[in-house]
Protein backbone atom coordinates (compact mmCIF):
# COMPACT_ATOMS: atom_id res chain seq x y z
CA ALA A 1 -11.44 -12.11 -24.49
CA ASN A 2 -13.11 -8.71 -24.86
CA ARG A 3 -16.13 -9.89 -22.84
CA LEU A 4 -13.84 -11.19 -20.09
CA GLN A 5 -11.97 -7.87 -19.98
CA GLU A 6 -15.27 -6.00 -19.77
CA LYS A 7 -16.40 -8.25 -16.90
CA PHE A 8 -13.26 -7.51 -14.89
CA ARG A 9 -13.53 -3.80 -15.71
CA ARG A 10 -17.10 -3.73 -14.32
CA ASN A 11 -16.01 -5.69 -11.26
CA ALA A 12 -13.19 -3.21 -10.63
CA LYS A 13 -15.61 -0.29 -10.83
CA GLN A 14 -18.00 -2.03 -8.43
CA VAL A 15 -15.23 -2.72 -5.90
CA ASP A 16 -14.06 0.91 -6.11
CA LYS A 17 -17.64 2.10 -5.61
CA GLU A 18 -18.07 -0.08 -2.51
CA VAL A 19 -14.78 1.10 -1.00
CA GLN A 20 -15.70 4.73 -1.61
CA GLU A 21 -19.21 4.26 -0.16
CA VAL A 22 -17.61 3.08 3.09
CA LEU A 23 -15.41 6.19 3.07
CA VAL A 24 -18.45 8.41 2.55
CA LYS A 25 -20.17 6.88 5.59
CA ARG A 26 -17.08 7.51 7.72
CA MET A 27 -16.90 11.11 6.56
CA LYS A 28 -20.51 11.73 7.52
CA GLN A 29 -19.64 10.59 11.04
CA ALA A 30 -17.27 13.56 11.30
CA ALA A 31 -14.08 11.85 12.44
CA VAL A 32 -12.01 14.12 14.69
CA SER A 33 -8.46 14.80 13.51
CA GLY A 34 -5.66 14.40 16.04
CA GLU A 35 -3.46 17.23 17.29
CA GLY A 36 -0.64 16.37 14.86
CA GLN A 37 -3.06 16.18 11.94
CA GLU A 38 -4.63 19.51 12.84
CA LYS A 39 -1.18 21.09 12.92
CA THR A 40 -0.43 19.71 9.44
CA LEU A 41 -3.69 21.09 8.06
CA ILE A 42 -3.15 24.54 9.56
CA GLU A 43 0.45 24.72 8.32
CA LEU A 44 -0.64 23.83 4.78
CA GLN A 45 -3.47 26.35 4.82
CA ASN A 46 -1.05 29.06 5.99
CA PHE A 47 1.53 28.00 3.41
CA PHE A 48 -0.86 28.21 0.46
CA GLY A 49 -2.47 31.33 1.93
CA LYS A 50 0.79 33.20 1.29
CA GLU A 51 0.70 32.25 -2.41
CA ASN A 52 -2.10 34.61 -3.42
CA PHE A 53 -0.13 36.53 -6.03
CA GLY A 54 1.58 35.75 -9.33
CA TRP A 55 -0.97 33.25 -10.67
CA LYS A 56 -1.53 33.04 -14.42
CA GLU A 57 -4.43 31.40 -16.20
CA LEU A 58 -3.59 27.97 -17.57
CA LYS A 59 -5.60 26.91 -20.59
CA SER A 60 -7.74 24.04 -19.38
CA PRO A 61 -8.28 21.07 -21.69
CA ASP A 62 -11.49 20.33 -19.79
CA GLN A 63 -14.71 22.30 -20.18
CA GLY A 64 -15.98 23.68 -16.90
CA VAL A 65 -12.62 23.37 -15.10
CA GLU A 66 -10.74 26.58 -14.34
CA MET A 67 -6.95 26.23 -14.03
CA HIS A 68 -4.10 28.53 -12.96
CA ILE A 69 -0.34 28.10 -12.71
CA LYS A 70 2.49 29.80 -10.85
CA LYS A 71 6.11 29.05 -11.76
CA LYS A 72 9.44 29.68 -10.11
CA LYS A 73 11.82 29.68 -13.07
CA ASN A 74 15.56 29.30 -13.48
CA GLY A 75 16.05 30.33 -17.09
CA LYS A 76 14.04 28.01 -19.34
CA LYS A 77 13.67 25.39 -16.63
CA ILE A 78 11.54 25.06 -13.51
CA LYS A 79 12.16 23.30 -10.22
CA ILE A 80 9.07 24.39 -8.28
CA ALA A 81 5.60 25.20 -9.59
CA PHE A 82 2.10 25.65 -8.23
CA GLY A 83 -1.16 24.59 -9.83
CA LYS A 84 -4.75 25.44 -8.98
CA ALA A 85 -8.02 24.08 -10.39
CA LYS A 86 -11.69 24.33 -9.50
CA CYS A 87 -15.10 23.35 -10.80
CA ILE A 88 -18.62 22.24 -9.80
CA ALA A 89 -19.34 18.50 -9.66
CA ASP A 90 -22.64 16.56 -9.64
CA CYS A 91 -21.94 14.82 -6.33
CA THR A 92 -21.65 15.49 -2.63
CA ALA A 93 -18.47 16.83 -1.03
CA GLU A 94 -18.07 13.44 0.68
CA GLU A 95 -18.29 11.51 -2.61
CA ALA A 96 -15.71 13.76 -4.28
CA VAL A 97 -13.27 13.40 -1.39
CA ALA A 98 -13.80 9.62 -1.18
CA TRP A 99 -12.85 9.32 -4.86
CA TYR A 100 -9.78 11.56 -4.40
CA PHE A 101 -8.70 9.82 -1.18
CA ASP A 102 -8.98 6.36 -2.81
CA PHE A 103 -5.69 7.05 -4.59
CA CYS A 104 -4.93 3.38 -5.31
CA SER A 105 -8.34 2.45 -6.71
CA ARG A 106 -8.51 -0.26 -9.36
CA GLU A 107 -9.63 2.20 -12.03
CA ARG A 108 -6.71 4.54 -11.35
CA LYS A 109 -4.24 1.66 -11.37
CA LYS A 110 -5.67 0.65 -14.72
CA VAL A 111 -4.88 4.13 -16.08
CA ASP A 112 -1.32 3.79 -14.75
CA THR A 113 -0.90 0.50 -16.58
CA LYS A 114 -2.05 2.15 -19.80
CA GLU A 115 0.30 5.11 -19.28
CA LYS A 116 3.18 2.83 -18.15
CA ASN A 117 3.57 4.41 -14.73
CA PRO A 118 5.28 1.55 -12.84
CA ALA A 119 3.93 1.86 -9.28
CA ARG A 120 0.96 3.12 -7.24
CA ILE A 121 1.01 1.53 -3.78
CA ASP A 122 -1.15 1.96 -0.68
CA LEU A 123 1.42 1.68 2.13
CA ARG A 124 0.44 -0.37 5.17
CA LYS A 125 1.44 1.25 8.45
CA LYS A 126 0.66 0.60 12.08
CA ASN A 127 -1.58 2.90 14.13
CA LEU A 128 -3.00 4.81 11.17
CA LYS A 129 -6.22 6.70 11.84
CA GLU A 130 -9.19 6.00 9.58
CA ASN A 131 -8.88 9.47 8.04
CA GLU A 132 -5.27 9.09 6.83
CA LYS A 133 -3.14 6.99 4.49
CA PHE A 134 0.34 6.87 2.97
CA ILE A 135 0.92 6.12 -0.70
CA ALA A 136 3.92 5.64 -2.99
CA PHE A 137 3.64 6.60 -6.64
CA VAL A 138 6.22 6.34 -9.44
CA ARG A 139 5.55 8.30 -12.62
CA LYS A 140 7.45 7.85 -15.86
CA SER A 141 9.14 10.93 -17.32
CA PRO A 142 9.91 11.86 -20.94
CA PHE A 143 13.39 10.83 -22.16
CA PRO A 144 16.07 11.65 -21.03
CA LEU A 145 14.58 12.36 -17.58
CA ASN A 146 14.49 9.69 -14.88
CA LYS A 147 11.27 8.45 -13.33
CA ARG A 148 9.88 10.52 -10.45
CA GLU A 149 8.96 8.95 -7.11
CA PHE A 150 6.41 10.58 -4.80
CA ILE A 151 5.62 9.33 -1.29
CA MET A 152 2.65 11.18 0.19
CA HIS A 153 0.59 11.36 3.34
CA PHE A 154 -3.16 12.02 2.92
CA ILE A 155 -5.40 13.32 5.74
CA TRP A 156 -9.09 14.20 5.35
CA ARG A 157 -11.06 16.38 7.75
CA LYS A 158 -14.65 17.56 7.91
CA ASN A 159 -14.91 21.36 7.70
CA GLU A 160 -17.28 23.69 9.46
CA GLU A 161 -18.32 25.11 6.06
CA ASN A 162 -20.44 22.09 5.04
CA GLY A 163 -17.57 20.33 3.31
CA ILE A 164 -14.37 18.32 3.63
CA SER A 165 -10.69 19.02 3.03
CA VAL A 166 -7.82 16.67 2.21
CA ALA A 167 -4.27 17.68 3.15
CA VAL A 168 -1.44 16.08 1.20
CA THR A 169 2.18 16.26 2.34
CA SER A 170 5.40 14.50 1.34
CA ALA A 171 6.83 11.66 3.43
CA ASP A 172 10.42 10.41 3.69
CA ASP A 173 9.88 6.64 3.57
CA THR A 174 12.21 4.34 1.65
CA ILE A 175 10.25 1.89 -0.49
CA ASP A 176 11.44 -1.45 -1.87
CA TYR A 177 9.71 -1.84 -5.25
CA GLY A 178 11.33 -5.20 -5.91
CA GLY A 179 13.79 -4.02 -8.56
CA GLY A 180 13.41 -3.09 -12.21
CA MET A 181 12.72 0.58 -11.56
CA GLY A 182 16.03 2.01 -12.70
CA LYS A 183 17.12 5.31 -11.21
CA LEU A 184 14.38 7.16 -9.34
CA VAL A 185 14.41 10.88 -8.54
CA LYS A 186 12.37 11.74 -5.47
CA GLY A 187 9.90 14.57 -6.03
CA LYS A 188 7.86 16.33 -3.39
CA SER A 189 4.33 17.65 -3.42
CA GLN A 190 1.95 19.39 -1.05
CA ALA A 191 -1.73 19.95 -1.73
CA ILE A 192 -5.08 20.90 -0.29
CA PHE A 193 -8.22 19.52 -1.92
CA THR A 194 -11.34 21.27 -0.62
CA THR A 195 -14.95 20.38 -1.34
CA THR A 196 -18.07 22.21 -0.22
CA ASN A 197 -21.70 21.11 -0.60
CA ILE A 198 -23.79 23.81 -2.29
CA SER A 199 -27.50 24.17 -3.03
CA SER A 200 -28.96 23.31 -6.44
CA THR A 201 -32.28 24.15 -8.11
CA SER A 202 -32.16 20.92 -10.14
CA GLY A 203 -32.50 18.55 -7.19
CA VAL A 204 -29.12 16.96 -8.00
CA LYS A 205 -26.61 17.13 -5.17
CA ILE A 206 -23.61 19.22 -6.18
CA CYS A 207 -20.40 20.48 -4.62
CA LYS A 208 -17.67 22.99 -5.32
CA MET A 209 -14.18 21.50 -5.66
CA GLU A 210 -10.82 23.26 -5.48
CA LEU A 211 -7.35 21.73 -5.67
CA VAL A 212 -4.21 23.76 -4.91
CA GLN A 213 -0.92 21.90 -5.28
CA ARG A 214 2.81 22.61 -5.09
CA PHE A 215 5.24 20.56 -7.17
CA ASP A 216 8.95 20.07 -6.53
CA MET A 217 10.21 17.94 -9.40
CA GLY A 218 13.50 17.02 -7.71
CA GLY A 219 15.50 18.97 -10.27
CA HIS A 220 15.14 21.65 -12.93
CA ILE A 221 12.67 20.54 -15.62
CA PRO A 222 11.89 22.13 -19.03
CA VAL A 223 8.86 24.41 -18.90
CA TYR A 224 6.82 22.44 -21.46
CA ILE A 225 7.15 19.25 -19.39
CA VAL A 226 6.07 21.10 -16.23
CA ASN A 227 3.01 22.50 -18.00
CA LYS A 228 2.04 19.04 -19.23
CA SER A 229 2.57 17.51 -15.78
CA ILE A 230 0.47 20.15 -14.06
CA HIS A 231 -2.36 19.64 -16.56
CA LYS A 232 -2.20 15.94 -15.74
CA VAL A 233 -2.26 16.36 -11.96
CA LEU A 234 -4.96 19.05 -11.94
CA GLY A 235 -6.97 16.91 -14.34
CA VAL A 236 -8.08 14.81 -11.36
CA ILE A 237 -10.70 17.53 -10.82
CA ASN A 238 -12.20 16.88 -14.25
CA THR A 239 -12.03 13.10 -13.76
CA ILE A 240 -14.11 13.42 -10.59
CA ASN A 241 -16.52 15.70 -12.44
CA LYS A 242 -16.96 13.20 -15.29
CA THR A 243 -17.27 10.25 -12.90
CA PHE A 244 -20.33 11.75 -11.24
CA GLN A 245 -21.74 13.73 -14.18
CA LYS A 246 -25.55 13.81 -14.23
CA ASP A 247 -26.30 16.26 -17.06
CA ASP A 248 -29.59 14.54 -17.97
CA GLU A 249 -30.88 14.81 -14.40
CA VAL A 250 -29.77 18.43 -14.14
CA ASN A 251 -31.49 19.33 -17.41
CA LYS A 252 -34.74 17.65 -16.31
CA GLY A 253 -34.61 19.47 -12.98
CA GLU A 254 -34.30 22.83 -14.70
CA LEU A 255 -37.34 22.33 -16.95
């Protein structure tokens, strides 16, 4: 049984790798974003650009990942919070974005199964451009809170600064999960994930990653739960870093 599980785990990783390699090729072709997409990207950049003040360092559980948090409190509870994380990864900007954009990969669904998050769905829609997707995600919450539902629109765009950005906004779709979900509270989230290729003396391709994200939990949530949730969401930066980690190659290149 263990060998069979390992076989399927390797197959899942291989399928994810192939999907992401196709995405990387598309990104290198510099797809042009439409007028509506460009407007979304500019609005998000302007929105986060106004949030330059009030950030506090958030202790990162991951070495090499710098995290910050900004909270809008109502007593001991929070409805809206901002998180920010950045680090250097041993991969190209395109590879990092392909991993991030592949939100419903087999490996990430496997993590959801382990953590008992009940849904992560790639929504099929007509007339989608190759640089966008819609996803639905349901995350369990600690008792007595209800599960949180997030429906998000992802758009990637090649930047002039030798990198790629992904804009994430909330969508208003109504999803039929087939029952068994119980009461769902709809949360909202906006984010910009930016990657930039940078030079390296080791010969290993590296990039700088930064994720800035706003969280609206759909209600006032205790501070400790918000902190834990933000650690979890920002942790995607460290997961990408570990996925592509090439410490041995870097060390050899520096000798």
